[in-house]
Protein backbone atom coordinates (compact mmCIF):
# COMPACT_ATOMS: atom_id res chain seq x y z
CA HIS A 1 -6.88 -17.38 9.79
CA ASP A 2 -8.93 -19.55 12.15
CA LEU A 3 -12.17 -19.68 10.18
CA LEU A 4 -14.47 -21.41 12.65
CA PRO A 5 -13.02 -21.44 16.18
CA ARG A 6 -12.82 -24.97 17.50
CA ARG A 7 -15.19 -24.53 20.45
CA THR A 8 -18.05 -23.32 18.23
CA SER A 9 -17.21 -24.80 14.81
CA SER A 10 -20.27 -27.09 14.87
CA ARG A 11 -22.69 -24.19 15.47
CA HIS A 12 -23.31 -23.53 11.79
CA ASP A 13 -26.42 -21.40 12.29
CA LEU A 14 -24.47 -19.09 14.60
CA TRP A 15 -21.72 -18.57 12.03
CA ARG A 16 -24.18 -18.07 9.16
CA ARG A 17 -25.88 -15.31 11.12
CA LEU A 18 -22.63 -13.70 12.22
CA LEU A 19 -20.80 -13.77 8.88
CA GLY A 20 -23.98 -12.81 7.04
CA ARG A 21 -23.92 -9.41 8.77
CA PHE A 22 -20.81 -8.32 6.85
CA ASP A 23 -20.59 -6.81 3.37
CA ARG A 24 -17.39 -8.72 2.61
CA VAL A 25 -15.67 -11.73 4.13
CA VAL A 26 -12.00 -12.34 3.34
CA VAL A 27 -10.20 -15.67 3.68
CA HIS A 28 -6.59 -16.56 2.91
CA SER A 29 -6.95 -19.74 0.84
CA GLU A 30 -9.20 -21.48 -1.64
CA ARG A 31 -9.90 -24.14 0.95
CA GLY A 32 -11.04 -21.41 3.31
CA ARG A 33 -13.39 -20.12 0.64
CA GLU A 34 -14.79 -23.63 0.12
CA THR A 35 -15.29 -24.08 3.88
CA LEU A 36 -17.41 -20.94 4.13
CA ALA A 37 -19.23 -21.73 0.88
CA GLU A 38 -20.62 -24.78 2.67
CA LEU A 39 -22.30 -22.32 5.05
CA GLY A 40 -23.64 -20.25 2.17
CA ILE A 41 -21.04 -17.48 2.66
CA ASP A 42 -19.41 -16.06 -0.47
CA ALA A 43 -15.88 -15.19 0.66
CA ARG A 44 -13.08 -13.51 -1.28
CA VAL A 45 -9.59 -15.05 -1.28
CA ILE A 46 -6.70 -12.68 -0.54
CA PRO A 47 -3.47 -14.48 0.36
CA HIS A 48 -2.02 -13.38 3.69
CA PRO A 49 1.37 -11.67 3.30
CA VAL A 50 4.50 -13.12 4.82
CA TYR A 51 5.98 -11.49 7.89
CA PRO A 52 9.26 -9.79 6.91
CA SER A 53 12.26 -10.78 8.96
CA ALA A 54 15.81 -9.59 9.51
CA ALA A 55 16.98 -13.21 9.54
CA THR A 56 20.09 -14.08 7.60
CA ARG A 57 21.29 -17.47 6.38
CA ALA A 58 23.40 -18.89 9.19
CA ASP A 59 22.19 -22.49 9.29
CA ASP A 60 24.38 -25.57 9.52
CA GLY A 61 22.39 -27.57 6.98
CA SER A 62 20.83 -29.86 9.58
CA THR A 63 18.69 -27.70 11.89
CA LEU A 64 14.92 -28.15 11.87
CA LEU A 65 12.60 -25.56 13.37
CA ALA A 66 9.23 -25.90 15.09
CA LEU A 67 8.05 -22.30 15.44
CA GLY A 68 5.17 -20.64 17.22
CA VAL A 69 2.81 -21.19 20.15
CA ILE A 70 2.92 -24.90 20.99
CA ARG A 71 -0.58 -26.37 20.80
CA PRO A 72 -1.80 -29.97 20.41
CA TYR A 73 -2.85 -29.54 16.77
CA LYS A 74 0.66 -28.46 15.75
CA GLY A 75 2.04 -31.98 15.96
CA ILE A 76 5.16 -31.49 18.08
CA ALA A 77 5.34 -35.28 18.55
CA ASP A 78 5.69 -35.72 14.78
CA SER A 79 8.50 -33.14 14.62
CA ILE A 80 10.36 -34.97 17.39
CA GLU A 81 9.83 -38.30 15.64
CA VAL A 82 11.32 -36.91 12.41
CA VAL A 83 14.48 -35.91 14.30
CA ARG A 84 14.68 -39.35 15.90
CA ARG A 85 14.63 -40.90 12.43
CA ILE A 86 17.27 -38.55 10.93
CA PRO A 87 20.39 -39.00 13.06
CA ASP A 88 22.22 -35.98 11.64
CA ALA A 89 19.35 -33.56 12.31
CA ARG A 90 18.60 -31.46 15.36
CA LEU A 91 15.38 -29.66 16.31
CA VAL A 92 14.89 -26.17 17.71
CA VAL A 93 11.47 -25.62 19.30
CA ALA A 94 10.86 -21.88 19.57
CA GLY A 95 7.59 -20.68 21.05
CA ASP A 96 5.33 -20.39 24.06
CA PRO A 97 3.83 -23.66 25.34
CA ALA A 98 0.04 -23.82 25.56
CA MET A 99 0.10 -27.51 26.48
CA PRO A 100 2.10 -29.75 28.84
CA LEU A 101 5.53 -30.69 27.46
CA ASP A 102 6.72 -33.12 30.15
CA ALA A 103 6.42 -36.09 27.78
CA PHE A 104 8.67 -34.41 25.21
CA ARG A 105 11.37 -32.56 27.14
CA ALA A 106 13.84 -35.47 27.09
CA ALA A 107 13.69 -35.80 23.29
CA GLU A 108 17.08 -36.34 21.73
CA ARG A 109 18.81 -33.57 19.78
CA THR A 110 16.06 -31.11 20.67
CA GLU A 111 16.65 -27.60 22.01
CA TRP A 112 13.76 -25.83 23.73
CA ARG A 113 13.55 -22.03 23.50
CA LEU A 114 10.29 -21.48 25.31
CA GLY A 115 8.20 -18.39 25.95
CA TYR A 116 7.13 -15.39 23.91
CA LEU A 117 10.43 -14.67 22.23
CA PRO A 118 11.51 -11.12 21.34
CA GLN A 119 11.98 -10.38 17.65
CA ALA A 120 15.75 -10.71 17.88
CA GLU A 121 15.37 -14.26 19.21
CA LEU A 122 12.84 -15.14 16.52
CA ASP A 123 15.24 -13.85 13.88
CA ARG A 124 18.04 -15.91 15.42
CA ALA A 125 15.96 -19.08 15.31
CA LEU A 126 14.95 -18.40 11.71
CA SER A 127 18.54 -17.65 10.73
CA GLU A 128 19.67 -21.00 12.14
CA ALA A 129 16.85 -22.99 10.53
CA SER A 130 17.57 -25.19 7.52
CA VAL A 131 13.93 -26.36 7.22
CA ALA A 132 10.78 -25.40 9.15
CA LEU A 133 8.33 -28.14 10.14
CA PHE A 134 4.54 -27.85 10.12
CA PRO A 135 2.97 -31.27 10.83
CA TYR A 136 -0.35 -29.61 11.67
CA ARG A 137 -3.80 -31.10 11.98
CA ALA A 138 -6.64 -29.33 10.20
CA GLU A 139 -7.76 -26.82 12.82
CA LEU A 140 -6.99 -23.53 11.05
CA ASP A 141 -6.93 -22.03 7.56
CA GLN A 142 -3.48 -20.43 7.48
CA SER A 143 -0.45 -20.39 9.75
CA GLY A 144 1.24 -17.24 11.00
CA ALA A 145 4.31 -19.31 11.90
CA LEU A 146 4.57 -20.59 8.31
CA LEU A 147 4.30 -17.01 7.06
CA GLN A 148 7.13 -16.06 9.42
CA ALA A 149 9.32 -18.87 8.09
CA LEU A 150 8.70 -17.92 4.47
CA GLY A 151 9.23 -14.27 5.35
CA ALA A 152 12.73 -15.29 6.43
CA GLY A 153 13.33 -17.35 3.29
CA VAL A 154 13.20 -20.66 5.19
CA PRO A 155 11.71 -23.60 3.23
CA ALA A 156 9.06 -25.72 4.90
CA VAL A 157 7.63 -29.22 5.02
CA VAL A 158 3.89 -29.23 5.72
CA TYR A 159 1.01 -31.63 5.98
CA ASP A 160 -1.55 -30.88 3.28
CA VAL A 161 -4.17 -29.36 5.58
CA ALA A 162 -6.19 -26.15 5.25
CA GLY A 163 -4.28 -23.56 3.20
CA LEU A 164 -0.76 -24.62 4.18
CA GLY A 165 -0.04 -26.95 1.30
CA ALA A 166 -1.32 -24.60 -1.38
CA LEU A 167 0.91 -21.80 -0.10
CA VAL A 168 4.04 -23.96 -0.20
CA ARG A 169 3.14 -25.34 -3.63
CA ALA A 170 2.44 -21.89 -5.08
CA PHE A 171 6.05 -20.86 -4.55
CA GLY A 172 7.82 -24.23 -4.63
CA ALA A 173 8.92 -23.36 -1.11
CA GLY A 174 9.32 -26.86 0.28
CA ARG A 175 7.38 -30.13 0.34
CA VAL A 176 3.72 -31.00 0.92
CA VAL A 177 2.81 -34.49 2.17
CA PRO A 178 -0.44 -36.26 3.12
CA PRO A 179 -1.79 -35.37 6.57
CA GLY A 180 -0.53 -37.62 9.34
CA ASP A 181 1.95 -39.50 7.13
CA VAL A 182 5.10 -39.36 9.28
CA ASP A 183 7.02 -41.58 6.85
CA ALA A 184 6.38 -39.19 3.95
CA PHE A 185 7.08 -36.19 6.17
CA THR A 186 10.43 -37.64 7.24
CA GLU A 187 11.44 -38.44 3.67
CA ALA A 188 10.52 -34.91 2.55
CA VAL A 189 12.71 -33.45 5.30
CA ARG A 190 15.59 -35.72 4.24
CA GLU A 191 15.22 -34.51 0.65
CA LEU A 192 15.35 -30.86 1.61
CA LEU A 193 18.32 -31.29 3.93
CA ALA A 194 20.20 -33.09 1.15
CA ASP A 195 19.25 -30.65 -1.62
CA PRO A 196 17.73 -27.40 -0.30
CA ALA A 197 18.51 -25.08 -3.22
CA GLY A 198 15.20 -25.24 -5.10
CA ALA A 199 12.99 -24.98 -2.02
CA ARG A 200 15.12 -22.20 -0.59
CA ALA A 201 14.75 -20.27 -3.86
CA GLY A 202 10.98 -20.77 -3.63
CA ALA A 203 10.90 -19.50 -0.06
CA GLU A 204 12.94 -16.47 -1.09
CA ARG A 205 10.47 -15.82 -3.92
CA ALA A 206 7.61 -15.91 -1.40
CA ARG A 207 9.60 -13.51 0.76
CA ARG A 208 9.91 -11.08 -2.17
CA GLU A 209 6.47 -11.43 -3.74
CA LEU A 210 3.93 -12.19 -1.02
CA THR A 211 4.04 -8.73 0.49
CA TRP A 212 1.52 -6.49 2.19
CA ALA A 213 1.56 -4.19 -0.84
CA ALA A 214 0.78 -7.10 -3.18
CA SER A 215 -2.12 -8.28 -1.03
CA ALA A 216 -3.57 -4.77 -1.03
CA SER A 217 -3.32 -4.38 -4.82
CA PRO A 218 -6.06 -6.31 -6.72
CA PRO A 219 -6.06 -8.40 -8.71
CA LEU A 220 -3.54 -10.75 -7.15
CA ALA A 221 -2.57 -13.35 -9.73
CA MET A 222 -2.02 -16.31 -7.46
CA VAL A 223 -4.79 -18.35 -5.88
CA ILE A 224 -3.73 -20.22 -2.73
């Protein structure tokens, strides 16, 4: 899901030679296919399945979730800013930090559940989540954390980067806003907290339909 690793993404000749050695290259979004097409690589799009979860609906209607390994491109500052702007919301940050967090630890209404969490703890965080937040920068093609959220039936708000926006749109599983637009991101979160039914139904549809069996059974109708 990380098409061209950040440290070597500018070495186009290297990636042409490497990917050209394979009979088939699979990506998980149309944007991923377009990225490799620029290198002359003809990739096939197969959407990545969601990760099934034992999570149940136990949220309070106001809990936001930032899930997964915490890296600079995942925009934790934007998630914290959204909570600052929505007084009734709280944020759960669940994941292992791969960056310093000293500047964020005092954030209001934010609970930190740090480390590589066991599945039971992941399921608990997903069960408590009203909306999952993905204010990512464009440094990957698809997000395993987003697939975990949808696999638990949790709607999401995402910046329209890489394949994230197309996945959410395909199922009506939340809101997609322009990259870096914190105002639009905040308003989208407010909308879902006030009226989550449609997005939650979309996330549940992704949970049912975007399965490993479906991804292994061509042709898959959706293009994301």
